[in-house]
Amino acid sequence: MTVTGIDIDPVSRWLDENIEGIAGPYAFAQITGGRSNLTYRVTDAAGTTVVLRRPPTGNVLASAHDMVREHAIISAVGKTNVPVPRTMGVCTDESVNGAPFYVMSLVEGVVLDKPEAAADMTLDQRRAAGEHLIDVLADLHAVDIDEVGLGDLAKRTGYVERQVRRWTMQWEKSKTRELASIDEVGRRLAADLPEQIGVSIAHGDYRFGNCLVDTETARVTGVLDWELCTLGDPLADVGYLGVYWSDPGEEQARPNDPTGIIGFPTYAELLERYAVRTGRDLSNIGYYVAFSSWRLAVISEGVYARFVNGAMGNQEIDAETLEGFKAGTERLAEEALAALSPPR
């Protein structure tokens, strides 16, 4: 048996020697794939299952897929009441599997990454799940970064300014055409930088699609995908959630989000709940929604450009999906412009 991204014999030996409570032989099954870090379900001889995570195969930027850093973040957050998998070990010896990897516990739950995933939930369950999603984010932003050992994870101030500068440069490097909306949003974001009030753990990609949910209890059981995590302005996470969130009855903003169906809270209700829980002023949240939409537009263009220029190697992509990245850049840029208008 072969599994892309797993050198079965040396990885199995490492697991036997370093992870308590499991013993080979092991069965490996990829859970997620694509252009992000790769995640595998690992089942041992007795049926015990853990999860292994490694960078994508091929030529990737190590800084964007740092397994040791991601392992450290989840280990630190695991000391708090924010639900995350339990880390079990990290391998830094690249001779084992060609790249570092780490192992964590399996968390049961459903990824609500499309409207159909929430179809069997009651209206009350959908509302409760949405409310718990924002409560968990508020809890994450309340974590004492020094107390959990993440005080040196990144710079504490100037987060949005650095991000605007970074993604402006990234657009210049990756753009395949001129888009006036991207340039205008970038200028307006840079000209009206908000004052950062406090510093928190910023997840960087917080949404239903990166969480596991117990659909019966309507509780988030695990927050996943910490590869973009840093220290920064907590409102960036709140604004990012607004890019994905569709109020019930509205046109579905993102196909990989469930929130446009009836039952989920509105985005305004989430903002009110977060503000009450944290005491933070959200009157300028439109800026953060615009920033997040603009950043996603640049990311979408980057993916499109890499495929067009052949930088993704032998990874195949159909023409419709490729066109979706191109159109997505334009749509996200227009949404960013709209968010910079009077607040929603």
C-alpha atoms as a PDB file:
ATOM      1  CA  MET A   1       0.000   0.000   0.000  1.00  0.00           C
ATOM      2  CA  THR A   2       1.218   3.502  -0.807  1.00  0.00           C
ATOM      3  CA  VAL A   3      -0.117   6.738   0.664  1.00  0.00           C
ATOM      4  CA  THR A   4       0.950  10.041  -0.853  1.00  0.00           C
ATOM      5  CA  GLY A   5       2.908  12.025   1.696  1.00  0.00           C
ATOM      6  CA  ILE A   6       3.587   9.081   4.051  1.00  0.00           C
ATOM      7  CA  ASP A   7       6.711   6.892   4.013  1.00  0.00           C
ATOM      8  CA  ILE A   8       4.946   4.061   5.792  1.00  0.00           C
ATOM      9  CA  ASP A   9       7.815   2.000   7.253  1.00  0.00           C
ATOM     10  CA  PRO A  10       9.906   4.768   8.845  1.00  0.00           C
ATOM     11  CA  VAL A  11       6.815   6.676   9.984  1.00  0.00           C
ATOM     12  CA  SER A  12       5.443   3.507  11.567  1.00  0.00           C
ATOM     13  CA  ARG A  13       8.713   2.952  13.431  1.00  0.00           C
ATOM     14  CA  TRP A  14       8.676   6.540  14.665  1.00  0.00           C
ATOM     15  CA  LEU A  15       5.100   6.216  15.880  1.00  0.00           C
ATOM     16  CA  ASP A  16       5.946   3.007  17.780  1.00  0.00           C
ATOM     17  CA  GLU A  17       8.900   4.681  19.464  1.00  0.00           C
ATOM     18  CA  ASN A  18       7.423   8.098  20.222  1.00  0.00           C
ATOM     19  CA  ILE A  19       3.640   8.032  20.627  1.00  0.00           C
ATOM     20  CA  GLU A  20       2.171   6.452  23.737  1.00  0.00           C
ATOM     21  CA  GLY A  21      -0.912   4.266  23.558  1.00  0.00           C
ATOM     22  CA  ILE A  22      -0.619   3.044  19.972  1.00  0.00           C
ATOM     23  CA  ALA A  23       1.211   0.182  18.262  1.00  0.00           C
ATOM     24  CA  GLY A  24       1.572  -0.849  14.623  1.00  0.00           C
ATOM     25  CA  PRO A  25       0.930  -1.979  12.047  1.00  0.00           C
ATOM     26  CA  TYR A  26      -0.876   1.191  11.031  1.00  0.00           C
ATOM     27  CA  ALA A  27      -3.409   2.111   8.369  1.00  0.00           C
ATOM     28  CA  PHE A  28      -3.029   5.617   6.921  1.00  0.00           C
ATOM     29  CA  ALA A  29      -5.875   7.468   5.210  1.00  0.00           C
ATOM     30  CA  GLN A  30      -5.698  11.041   3.981  1.00  0.00           C
ATOM     31  CA  ILE A  31      -8.446  13.215   5.427  1.00  0.00           C
ATOM     32  CA  THR A  32      -7.781  16.435   3.547  1.00  0.00           C
ATOM     33  CA  GLY A  33      -5.654  17.396   0.607  1.00  0.00           C
ATOM     34  CA  GLY A  34      -5.212  20.179  -1.897  1.00  0.00           C
ATOM     35  CA  ARG A  35      -3.001  23.209  -1.500  1.00  0.00           C
ATOM     36  CA  SER A  36      -2.821  23.324   2.308  1.00  0.00           C
ATOM     37  CA  ASN A  37      -1.190  21.134   4.937  1.00  0.00           C
ATOM     38  CA  LEU A  38      -2.056  17.454   4.650  1.00  0.00           C
ATOM     39  CA  THR A  39      -3.936  15.586   7.371  1.00  0.00           C
ATOM     40  CA  TYR A  40      -4.143  11.816   7.824  1.00  0.00           C
ATOM     41  CA  ARG A  41      -6.184   9.448   9.966  1.00  0.00           C
ATOM     42  CA  VAL A  42      -3.815   6.852  11.460  1.00  0.00           C
ATOM     43  CA  THR A  43      -5.362   3.668  12.872  1.00  0.00           C
ATOM     44  CA  ASP A  44      -3.249   1.194  14.830  1.00  0.00           C
ATOM     45  CA  ALA A  45      -3.510  -2.584  15.163  1.00  0.00           C
ATOM     46  CA  ALA A  46      -6.032  -2.301  18.012  1.00  0.00           C
ATOM     47  CA  GLY A  47      -8.251   0.190  16.198  1.00  0.00           C
ATOM     48  CA  THR A  48      -7.037   3.260  18.081  1.00  0.00           C
ATOM     49  CA  THR A  49      -7.021   6.303  15.835  1.00  0.00           C
ATOM     50  CA  VAL A  50      -4.842   9.410  15.941  1.00  0.00           C
ATOM     51  CA  VAL A  51      -4.235  12.199  13.433  1.00  0.00           C
ATOM     52  CA  LEU A  52      -0.968  13.044  11.644  1.00  0.00           C
ATOM     53  CA  ARG A  53      -0.329  16.380   9.955  1.00  0.00           C
ATOM     54  CA  ARG A  54       2.443  17.307   7.543  1.00  0.00           C
ATOM     55  CA  PRO A  55       3.195  20.014   4.934  1.00  0.00           C
ATOM     56  CA  PRO A  56       2.046  19.634   1.322  1.00  0.00           C
ATOM     57  CA  THR A  57       4.295  17.574  -0.915  1.00  0.00           C
ATOM     58  CA  GLY A  58       6.356  19.343  -3.551  1.00  0.00           C
ATOM     59  CA  ASN A  59       8.049  22.695  -3.443  1.00  0.00           C
ATOM     60  CA  VAL A  60       6.436  24.835  -0.730  1.00  0.00           C
ATOM     61  CA  LEU A  61       7.479  27.716   1.471  1.00  0.00           C
ATOM     62  CA  ALA A  62       8.616  26.202   4.752  1.00  0.00           C
ATOM     63  CA  SER A  63       7.541  29.300   6.679  1.00  0.00           C
ATOM     64  CA  ALA A  64       3.946  28.826   5.535  1.00  0.00           C
ATOM     65  CA  HIS A  65       3.828  25.179   6.584  1.00  0.00           C
ATOM     66  CA  ASP A  66       5.865  25.096   9.807  1.00  0.00           C
ATOM     67  CA  MET A  67       4.795  21.947  11.623  1.00  0.00           C
ATOM     68  CA  VAL A  68       6.872  22.641  14.730  1.00  0.00           C
ATOM     69  CA  ARG A  69       5.305  26.076  15.078  1.00  0.00           C
ATOM     70  CA  GLU A  70       1.795  24.746  14.510  1.00  0.00           C
ATOM     71  CA  HIS A  71       2.382  21.982  17.060  1.00  0.00           C
ATOM     72  CA  ALA A  72       3.595  24.551  19.601  1.00  0.00           C
ATOM     73  CA  ILE A  73       0.532  26.752  19.061  1.00  0.00           C
ATOM     74  CA  ILE A  74      -1.967  23.915  19.501  1.00  0.00           C
ATOM     75  CA  SER A  75      -0.073  22.657  22.551  1.00  0.00           C
ATOM     76  CA  ALA A  76      -0.259  26.119  24.125  1.00  0.00           C
ATOM     77  CA  VAL A  77      -3.925  26.706  23.270  1.00  0.00           C
ATOM     78  CA  GLY A  78      -4.634  23.248  24.680  1.00  0.00           C
ATOM     79  CA  LYS A  79      -3.869  24.641  28.140  1.00  0.00           C
ATOM     80  CA  THR A  80      -6.970  26.863  27.871  1.00  0.00           C
ATOM     81  CA  ASN A  81     -10.705  26.298  27.533  1.00  0.00           C
ATOM     82  CA  VAL A  82     -10.506  26.704  23.741  1.00  0.00           C
ATOM     83  CA  PRO A  83     -11.286  23.253  22.271  1.00  0.00           C
ATOM     84  CA  VAL A  84      -8.359  21.860  20.268  1.00  0.00           C
ATOM     85  CA  PRO A  85      -6.963  18.370  19.648  1.00  0.00           C
ATOM     86  CA  ARG A  86      -4.442  17.106  22.205  1.00  0.00           C
ATOM     87  CA  THR A  87      -0.923  17.138  20.791  1.00  0.00           C
ATOM     88  CA  MET A  88       0.954  13.844  21.214  1.00  0.00           C
ATOM     89  CA  GLY A  89       4.352  14.352  19.578  1.00  0.00           C
ATOM     90  CA  VAL A  90       6.294  16.123  16.852  1.00  0.00           C
ATOM     91  CA  CYS A  91       8.960  14.749  14.498  1.00  0.00           C
ATOM     92  CA  THR A  92      11.628  17.185  13.299  1.00  0.00           C
ATOM     93  CA  ASP A  93      13.843  14.551  11.666  1.00  0.00           C
ATOM     94  CA  GLU A  94      13.125  14.969   7.959  1.00  0.00           C
ATOM     95  CA  SER A  95      14.774  11.622   7.168  1.00  0.00           C
ATOM     96  CA  VAL A  96      11.686   9.923   8.619  1.00  0.00           C
ATOM     97  CA  ASN A  97       9.140  11.329   6.178  1.00  0.00           C
ATOM     98  CA  GLY A  98      10.802  14.000   4.051  1.00  0.00           C
ATOM     99  CA  ALA A  99       9.368  16.819   6.158  1.00  0.00           C
ATOM    100  CA  PRO A 100       8.484  17.478   9.808  1.00  0.00           C
ATOM    101  CA  PHE A 101       5.122  16.229  11.042  1.00  0.00           C
ATOM    102  CA  TYR A 102       3.170  16.032  14.256  1.00  0.00           C
ATOM    103  CA  VAL A 103       0.575  13.758  15.815  1.00  0.00           C
ATOM    104  CA  MET A 104      -2.556  14.776  17.702  1.00  0.00           C
ATOM    105  CA  SER A 105      -5.662  13.179  19.098  1.00  0.00           C
ATOM    106  CA  LEU A 106      -8.708  12.491  16.949  1.00  0.00           C
ATOM    107  CA  VAL A 107     -11.589  14.840  17.770  1.00  0.00           C
ATOM    108  CA  GLU A 108     -15.068  13.741  16.805  1.00  0.00           C
ATOM    109  CA  GLY A 109     -17.309  16.217  15.048  1.00  0.00           C
ATOM    110  CA  VAL A 110     -18.671  17.462  11.742  1.00  0.00           C
ATOM    111  CA  VAL A 111     -17.018  20.120   9.599  1.00  0.00           C
ATOM    112  CA  LEU A 112     -19.843  22.446   8.588  1.00  0.00           C
ATOM    113  CA  ASP A 113     -18.268  23.371   5.265  1.00  0.00           C
ATOM    114  CA  LYS A 114     -21.425  23.619   3.174  1.00  0.00           C
ATOM    115  CA  PRO A 115     -25.162  24.220   3.723  1.00  0.00           C
ATOM    116  CA  GLU A 116     -25.892  20.504   3.289  1.00  0.00           C
ATOM    117  CA  ALA A 117     -23.673  19.679   6.270  1.00  0.00           C
ATOM    118  CA  ALA A 118     -26.102  21.518   8.569  1.00  0.00           C
ATOM    119  CA  ALA A 119     -29.277  20.315   6.852  1.00  0.00           C
ATOM    120  CA  ASP A 120     -30.180  17.796   9.591  1.00  0.00           C
ATOM    121  CA  MET A 121     -29.655  20.276  12.441  1.00  0.00           C
ATOM    122  CA  THR A 122     -32.724  21.885  14.011  1.00  0.00           C
ATOM    123  CA  LEU A 123     -33.145  25.655  13.920  1.00  0.00           C
ATOM    124  CA  ASP A 124     -32.229  25.802  17.609  1.00  0.00           C
ATOM    125  CA  GLN A 125     -29.103  23.713  17.004  1.00  0.00           C
ATOM    126  CA  ARG A 126     -27.988  25.969  14.165  1.00  0.00           C
ATOM    127  CA  ARG A 127     -28.412  29.083  16.304  1.00  0.00           C
ATOM    128  CA  ALA A 128     -26.609  27.500  19.232  1.00  0.00           C
ATOM    129  CA  ALA A 129     -23.731  26.355  17.005  1.00  0.00           C
ATOM    130  CA  GLY A 130     -23.292  29.858  15.607  1.00  0.00           C
ATOM    131  CA  GLU A 131     -23.356  31.363  19.082  1.00  0.00           C
ATOM    132  CA  HIS A 132     -20.795  28.881  20.369  1.00  0.00           C
ATOM    133  CA  LEU A 133     -18.559  29.566  17.363  1.00  0.00           C
ATOM    134  CA  ILE A 134     -18.307  33.256  18.298  1.00  0.00           C
ATOM    135  CA  ASP A 135     -18.004  32.420  22.008  1.00  0.00           C
ATOM    136  CA  VAL A 136     -14.994  30.198  21.303  1.00  0.00           C
ATOM    137  CA  LEU A 137     -13.412  33.009  19.283  1.00  0.00           C
ATOM    138  CA  ALA A 138     -13.968  35.401  22.199  1.00  0.00           C
ATOM    139  CA  ASP A 139     -12.367  32.846  24.532  1.00  0.00           C
ATOM    140  CA  LEU A 140      -9.369  32.525  22.208  1.00  0.00           C
ATOM    141  CA  HIS A 141      -8.933  36.295  22.179  1.00  0.00           C
ATOM    142  CA  ALA A 142      -9.046  36.341  25.992  1.00  0.00           C
ATOM    143  CA  VAL A 143      -6.078  33.944  26.362  1.00  0.00           C
ATOM    144  CA  ASP A 144      -3.079  35.404  28.196  1.00  0.00           C
ATOM    145  CA  ILE A 145      -0.380  34.891  25.558  1.00  0.00           C
ATOM    146  CA  ASP A 146       2.464  35.059  28.078  1.00  0.00           C
ATOM    147  CA  GLU A 147       0.814  32.647  30.485  1.00  0.00           C
ATOM    148  CA  VAL A 148       0.486  29.941  27.806  1.00  0.00           C
ATOM    149  CA  GLY A 149       3.977  30.542  26.424  1.00  0.00           C
ATOM    150  CA  LEU A 150       3.145  32.278  23.141  1.00  0.00           C
ATOM    151  CA  GLY A 151       4.422  35.746  24.004  1.00  0.00           C
ATOM    152  CA  ASP A 152       7.291  35.416  21.529  1.00  0.00           C
ATOM    153  CA  LEU A 153       5.233  33.919  18.689  1.00  0.00           C
ATOM    154  CA  ALA A 154       5.239  37.170  16.686  1.00  0.00           C
ATOM    155  CA  LYS A 155       5.372  40.948  17.011  1.00  0.00           C
ATOM    156  CA  ARG A 156       2.605  42.226  19.243  1.00  0.00           C
ATOM    157  CA  THR A 157       1.824  45.537  17.558  1.00  0.00           C
ATOM    158  CA  GLY A 158       1.292  46.902  14.057  1.00  0.00           C
ATOM    159  CA  TYR A 159      -0.480  43.747  12.863  1.00  0.00           C
ATOM    160  CA  VAL A 160      -2.843  45.295  10.324  1.00  0.00           C
ATOM    161  CA  GLU A 161      -0.192  47.690   9.005  1.00  0.00           C
ATOM    162  CA  ARG A 162       2.220  44.811   8.412  1.00  0.00           C
ATOM    163  CA  GLN A 163      -0.494  42.712   6.816  1.00  0.00           C
ATOM    164  CA  VAL A 164      -1.609  45.481   4.440  1.00  0.00           C
ATOM    165  CA  ARG A 165       1.999  46.050   3.404  1.00  0.00           C
ATOM    166  CA  ARG A 166       2.617  42.323   2.974  1.00  0.00           C
ATOM    167  CA  TRP A 167      -0.446  41.636   0.830  1.00  0.00           C
ATOM    168  CA  THR A 168       0.092  44.763  -1.255  1.00  0.00           C
ATOM    169  CA  MET A 169       3.529  43.426  -2.155  1.00  0.00           C
ATOM    170  CA  GLN A 170       2.099  39.961  -2.709  1.00  0.00           C
ATOM    171  CA  TRP A 171      -0.430  41.348  -5.185  1.00  0.00           C
ATOM    172  CA  GLU A 172       2.343  42.996  -7.177  1.00  0.00           C
ATOM    173  CA  LYS A 173       4.214  39.686  -7.323  1.00  0.00           C
ATOM    174  CA  SER A 174       1.286  37.429  -8.212  1.00  0.00           C
ATOM    175  CA  LYS A 175      -1.208  39.476 -10.237  1.00  0.00           C
ATOM    176  CA  THR A 176      -2.008  38.253 -13.733  1.00  0.00           C
ATOM    177  CA  ARG A 177      -3.891  41.443 -14.728  1.00  0.00           C
ATOM    178  CA  GLU A 178      -4.657  44.897 -13.427  1.00  0.00           C
ATOM    179  CA  LEU A 179      -7.625  45.228 -11.045  1.00  0.00           C
ATOM    180  CA  ALA A 180      -8.469  48.762 -10.011  1.00  0.00           C
ATOM    181  CA  SER A 181     -10.597  47.534  -7.109  1.00  0.00           C
ATOM    182  CA  ILE A 182      -7.643  45.711  -5.524  1.00  0.00           C
ATOM    183  CA  ASP A 183      -5.453  48.806  -5.816  1.00  0.00           C
ATOM    184  CA  GLU A 184      -8.139  51.107  -4.437  1.00  0.00           C
ATOM    185  CA  VAL A 185      -8.872  48.928  -1.429  1.00  0.00           C
ATOM    186  CA  GLY A 186      -5.176  48.590  -0.683  1.00  0.00           C
ATOM    187  CA  ARG A 187      -4.737  52.374  -0.780  1.00  0.00           C
ATOM    188  CA  ARG A 188      -7.755  53.007   1.429  1.00  0.00           C
ATOM    189  CA  LEU A 189      -6.732  50.365   3.962  1.00  0.00           C
ATOM    190  CA  ALA A 190      -3.222  51.829   4.204  1.00  0.00           C
ATOM    191  CA  ALA A 191      -4.539  55.376   4.534  1.00  0.00           C
ATOM    192  CA  ASP A 192      -6.942  54.614   7.369  1.00  0.00           C
ATOM    193  CA  LEU A 193      -5.140  52.120   9.599  1.00  0.00           C
ATOM    194  CA  PRO A 194      -7.079  51.456  12.819  1.00  0.00           C
ATOM    195  CA  GLU A 195      -5.460  51.723  16.211  1.00  0.00           C
ATOM    196  CA  GLN A 196      -4.740  48.241  17.567  1.00  0.00           C
ATOM    197  CA  ILE A 197      -6.380  47.844  20.965  1.00  0.00           C
ATOM    198  CA  GLY A 198      -4.581  45.057  22.756  1.00  0.00           C
ATOM    199  CA  VAL A 199      -2.999  41.916  21.371  1.00  0.00           C
ATOM    200  CA  SER A 200      -4.370  38.396  21.167  1.00  0.00           C
ATOM    201  CA  ILE A 201      -3.850  35.067  19.487  1.00  0.00           C
ATOM    202  CA  ALA A 202      -5.180  35.650  15.973  1.00  0.00           C
ATOM    203  CA  HIS A 203      -6.218  32.376  14.318  1.00  0.00           C
ATOM    204  CA  GLY A 204      -6.116  33.830  10.813  1.00  0.00           C
ATOM    205  CA  ASP A 205      -8.666  31.472   9.216  1.00  0.00           C
ATOM    206  CA  TYR A 206     -11.455  31.181  11.779  1.00  0.00           C
ATOM    207  CA  ARG A 207     -14.787  29.907  10.397  1.00  0.00           C
ATOM    208  CA  PHE A 208     -17.044  26.873  10.526  1.00  0.00           C
ATOM    209  CA  GLY A 209     -14.993  25.220   7.780  1.00  0.00           C
ATOM    210  CA  ASN A 210     -11.996  25.009  10.118  1.00  0.00           C
ATOM    211  CA  CYS A 211     -13.868  23.702  13.145  1.00  0.00           C
ATOM    212  CA  LEU A 212     -15.389  20.418  14.227  1.00  0.00           C
ATOM    213  CA  VAL A 213     -18.921  20.634  15.618  1.00  0.00           C
ATOM    214  CA  ASP A 214     -21.003  18.147  17.589  1.00  0.00           C
ATOM    215  CA  THR A 215     -24.257  18.707  15.720  1.00  0.00           C
ATOM    216  CA  GLU A 216     -26.319  17.152  18.537  1.00  0.00           C
ATOM    217  CA  THR A 217     -25.036  19.419  21.299  1.00  0.00           C
ATOM    218  CA  ALA A 218     -24.335  22.255  18.830  1.00  0.00           C
ATOM    219  CA  ARG A 219     -20.904  22.815  20.382  1.00  0.00           C
ATOM    220  CA  VAL A 220     -17.539  23.356  18.717  1.00  0.00           C
ATOM    221  CA  THR A 221     -15.450  20.329  19.690  1.00  0.00           C
ATOM    222  CA  GLY A 222     -12.200  21.317  17.997  1.00  0.00           C
ATOM    223  CA  VAL A 223     -10.659  24.332  16.278  1.00  0.00           C
ATOM    224  CA  LEU A 224      -8.355  23.200  13.465  1.00  0.00           C
ATOM    225  CA  ASP A 225      -5.925  24.575  10.849  1.00  0.00           C
ATOM    226  CA  TRP A 226      -3.663  26.883  12.854  1.00  0.00           C
ATOM    227  CA  GLU A 227      -1.086  27.407  10.097  1.00  0.00           C
ATOM    228  CA  LEU A 228      -1.924  31.132   9.699  1.00  0.00           C
ATOM    229  CA  CYS A 229      -2.031  31.810  13.435  1.00  0.00           C
ATOM    230  CA  THR A 230      -0.040  34.736  14.818  1.00  0.00           C
ATOM    231  CA  LEU A 231      -0.289  37.489  17.409  1.00  0.00           C
ATOM    232  CA  GLY A 232      -2.285  40.498  16.368  1.00  0.00           C
ATOM    233  CA  ASP A 233      -5.462  42.502  16.343  1.00  0.00           C
ATOM    234  CA  PRO A 234      -8.346  40.284  17.494  1.00  0.00           C
ATOM    235  CA  LEU A 235     -10.819  42.158  15.315  1.00  0.00           C
ATOM    236  CA  ALA A 236      -9.112  40.749  12.226  1.00  0.00           C
ATOM    237  CA  ASP A 237     -10.560  37.326  13.089  1.00  0.00           C
ATOM    238  CA  VAL A 238     -14.010  38.831  13.667  1.00  0.00           C
ATOM    239  CA  GLY A 239     -13.895  40.608  10.321  1.00  0.00           C
ATOM    240  CA  TYR A 240     -12.681  37.480   8.562  1.00  0.00           C
ATOM    241  CA  LEU A 241     -15.665  35.545   9.889  1.00  0.00           C
ATOM    242  CA  GLY A 242     -17.864  38.219   8.326  1.00  0.00           C
ATOM    243  CA  VAL A 243     -16.452  37.507   4.868  1.00  0.00           C
ATOM    244  CA  TYR A 244     -17.767  33.953   5.058  1.00  0.00           C
ATOM    245  CA  TRP A 245     -20.962  34.574   6.998  1.00  0.00           C
ATOM    246  CA  SER A 246     -24.263  34.821   5.118  1.00  0.00           C
ATOM    247  CA  ASP A 247     -27.334  35.984   6.982  1.00  0.00           C
ATOM    248  CA  PRO A 248     -30.273  33.569   6.709  1.00  0.00           C
ATOM    249  CA  GLY A 249     -32.159  34.143   3.484  1.00  0.00           C
ATOM    250  CA  GLU A 250     -29.284  36.015   1.825  1.00  0.00           C
ATOM    251  CA  GLU A 251     -27.483  34.690  -1.211  1.00  0.00           C
ATOM    252  CA  GLN A 252     -24.862  32.208   0.001  1.00  0.00           C
ATOM    253  CA  ALA A 253     -21.615  34.182   0.158  1.00  0.00           C
ATOM    254  CA  ARG A 254     -19.326  31.153   0.124  1.00  0.00           C
ATOM    255  CA  PRO A 255     -20.136  27.610  -1.042  1.00  0.00           C
ATOM    256  CA  ASN A 256     -17.847  26.246   1.723  1.00  0.00           C
ATOM    257  CA  ASP A 257     -19.909  27.786   4.550  1.00  0.00           C
ATOM    258  CA  PRO A 258     -23.329  26.701   5.872  1.00  0.00           C
ATOM    259  CA  THR A 259     -24.651  29.949   7.288  1.00  0.00           C
ATOM    260  CA  GLY A 260     -27.048  31.189   4.621  1.00  0.00           C
ATOM    261  CA  ILE A 261     -29.745  28.713   5.619  1.00  0.00           C
ATOM    262  CA  ILE A 262     -32.399  29.605   8.154  1.00  0.00           C
ATOM    263  CA  GLY A 263     -31.608  29.115  11.819  1.00  0.00           C
ATOM    264  CA  PHE A 264     -28.087  30.488  12.066  1.00  0.00           C
ATOM    265  CA  PRO A 265     -27.667  33.868  13.778  1.00  0.00           C
ATOM    266  CA  THR A 266     -27.083  36.952  11.673  1.00  0.00           C
ATOM    267  CA  TYR A 267     -23.613  38.447  11.503  1.00  0.00           C
ATOM    268  CA  ALA A 268     -24.916  41.485  13.416  1.00  0.00           C
ATOM    269  CA  GLU A 269     -26.061  39.175  16.212  1.00  0.00           C
ATOM    270  CA  LEU A 270     -22.604  37.589  16.334  1.00  0.00           C
ATOM    271  CA  LEU A 271     -21.003  41.019  16.575  1.00  0.00           C
ATOM    272  CA  GLU A 272     -23.300  42.016  19.430  1.00  0.00           C
ATOM    273  CA  ARG A 273     -22.581  38.786  21.296  1.00  0.00           C
ATOM    274  CA  TYR A 274     -18.826  39.202  20.846  1.00  0.00           C
ATOM    275  CA  ALA A 275     -18.927  42.849  21.936  1.00  0.00           C
ATOM    276  CA  VAL A 276     -20.865  42.016  25.090  1.00  0.00           C
ATOM    277  CA  ARG A 277     -18.543  39.133  25.923  1.00  0.00           C
ATOM    278  CA  THR A 278     -15.281  41.015  25.279  1.00  0.00           C
ATOM    279  CA  GLY A 279     -16.145  44.675  25.813  1.00  0.00           C
ATOM    280  CA  ARG A 280     -14.499  45.551  22.489  1.00  0.00           C
ATOM    281  CA  ASP A 281     -15.746  48.349  20.252  1.00  0.00           C
ATOM    282  CA  LEU A 282     -16.841  46.922  16.887  1.00  0.00           C
ATOM    283  CA  SER A 283     -18.002  50.176  15.302  1.00  0.00           C
ATOM    284  CA  ASN A 284     -15.194  49.953  12.714  1.00  0.00           C
ATOM    285  CA  ILE A 285     -15.685  46.266  11.891  1.00  0.00           C
ATOM    286  CA  GLY A 286     -16.330  47.127   8.234  1.00  0.00           C
ATOM    287  CA  TYR A 287     -12.626  47.936   7.891  1.00  0.00           C
ATOM    288  CA  TYR A 288     -11.680  44.460   9.115  1.00  0.00           C
ATOM    289  CA  VAL A 289     -14.223  42.765   6.849  1.00  0.00           C
ATOM    290  CA  ALA A 290     -12.792  44.724   3.913  1.00  0.00           C
ATOM    291  CA  PHE A 291      -9.228  43.879   4.886  1.00  0.00           C
ATOM    292  CA  SER A 292     -10.052  40.159   5.146  1.00  0.00           C
ATOM    293  CA  SER A 293     -11.936  40.088   1.837  1.00  0.00           C
ATOM    294  CA  TRP A 294      -9.085  41.947   0.111  1.00  0.00           C
ATOM    295  CA  ARG A 295      -6.500  39.563   1.581  1.00  0.00           C
ATOM    296  CA  LEU A 296      -8.515  36.571   0.340  1.00  0.00           C
ATOM    297  CA  ALA A 297      -8.708  38.195  -3.097  1.00  0.00           C
ATOM    298  CA  VAL A 298      -4.924  38.400  -3.264  1.00  0.00           C
ATOM    299  CA  ILE A 299      -4.609  34.796  -2.063  1.00  0.00           C
ATOM    300  CA  SER A 300      -7.089  33.651  -4.724  1.00  0.00           C
ATOM    301  CA  GLU A 301      -5.105  35.452  -7.412  1.00  0.00           C
ATOM    302  CA  GLY A 302      -1.920  33.812  -6.138  1.00  0.00           C
ATOM    303  CA  VAL A 303      -3.405  30.334  -6.482  1.00  0.00           C
ATOM    304  CA  TYR A 304      -4.692  31.188  -9.963  1.00  0.00           C
ATOM    305  CA  ALA A 305      -1.307  32.565 -10.992  1.00  0.00           C
ATOM    306  CA  ARG A 306       0.600  29.517  -9.748  1.00  0.00           C
ATOM    307  CA  PHE A 307      -1.551  27.167 -11.811  1.00  0.00           C
ATOM    308  CA  VAL A 308      -1.460  29.382 -14.892  1.00  0.00           C
ATOM    309  CA  ASN A 309       2.330  29.648 -14.663  1.00  0.00           C
ATOM    310  CA  GLY A 310       2.806  25.928 -14.038  1.00  0.00           C
ATOM    311  CA  ALA A 311       4.244  26.344 -10.543  1.00  0.00           C
ATOM    312  CA  MET A 312       1.967  23.683  -9.025  1.00  0.00           C
ATOM    313  CA  GLY A 313       3.838  20.839 -10.732  1.00  0.00           C
ATOM    314  CA  ASN A 314       1.657  17.916 -11.746  1.00  0.00           C
ATOM    315  CA  GLN A 315      -1.328  18.885  -9.585  1.00  0.00           C
ATOM    316  CA  GLU A 316      -4.320  18.869 -11.867  1.00  0.00           C
ATOM    317  CA  ILE A 317      -7.149  21.389 -11.789  1.00  0.00           C
ATOM    318  CA  ASP A 318     -10.194  21.574 -14.039  1.00  0.00           C
ATOM    319  CA  ALA A 319     -10.914  24.663 -16.081  1.00  0.00           C
ATOM    320  CA  GLU A 320     -14.037  25.542 -14.089  1.00  0.00           C
ATOM    321  CA  THR A 321     -12.178  25.510 -10.765  1.00  0.00           C
ATOM    322  CA  LEU A 322      -9.335  27.537 -12.258  1.00  0.00           C
ATOM    323  CA  GLU A 323     -11.764  30.113 -13.589  1.00  0.00           C
ATOM    324  CA  GLY A 324     -13.371  30.172 -10.133  1.00  0.00           C
ATOM    325  CA  PHE A 325     -10.121  31.399  -8.570  1.00  0.00           C
ATOM    326  CA  LYS A 326      -9.877  34.155 -11.185  1.00  0.00           C
ATOM    327  CA  ALA A 327     -13.495  35.247 -10.748  1.00  0.00           C
ATOM    328  CA  GLY A 328     -13.171  34.893  -6.974  1.00  0.00           C
ATOM    329  CA  THR A 329     -10.416  37.498  -6.912  1.00  0.00           C
ATOM    330  CA  GLU A 330     -12.668  39.996  -8.671  1.00  0.00           C
ATOM    331  CA  ARG A 331     -15.719  39.236  -6.506  1.00  0.00           C
ATOM    332  CA  LEU A 332     -13.780  39.437  -3.237  1.00  0.00           C
ATOM    333  CA  ALA A 333     -12.205  42.745  -4.274  1.00  0.00           C
ATOM    334  CA  GLU A 334     -15.634  44.234  -5.005  1.00  0.00           C
ATOM    335  CA  GLU A 335     -16.929  42.935  -1.669  1.00  0.00           C
ATOM    336  CA  ALA A 336     -13.974  44.584   0.055  1.00  0.00           C
ATOM    337  CA  LEU A 337     -14.875  47.902  -1.572  1.00  0.00           C
ATOM    338  CA  ALA A 338     -18.481  47.523  -0.434  1.00  0.00           C
ATOM    339  CA  ALA A 339     -17.387  46.795   3.146  1.00  0.00           C
ATOM    340  CA  LEU A 340     -15.381  50.028   3.226  1.00  0.00           C
ATOM    341  CA  SER A 341     -18.589  51.914   2.518  1.00  0.00           C
ATOM    342  CA  PRO A 342     -21.054  52.571   5.381  1.00  0.00           C
ATOM    343  CA  PRO A 343     -20.856  49.666   7.900  1.00  0.00           C
ATOM    344  CA  ARG A 344     -23.236  46.769   7.427  1.00  0.00           C
END
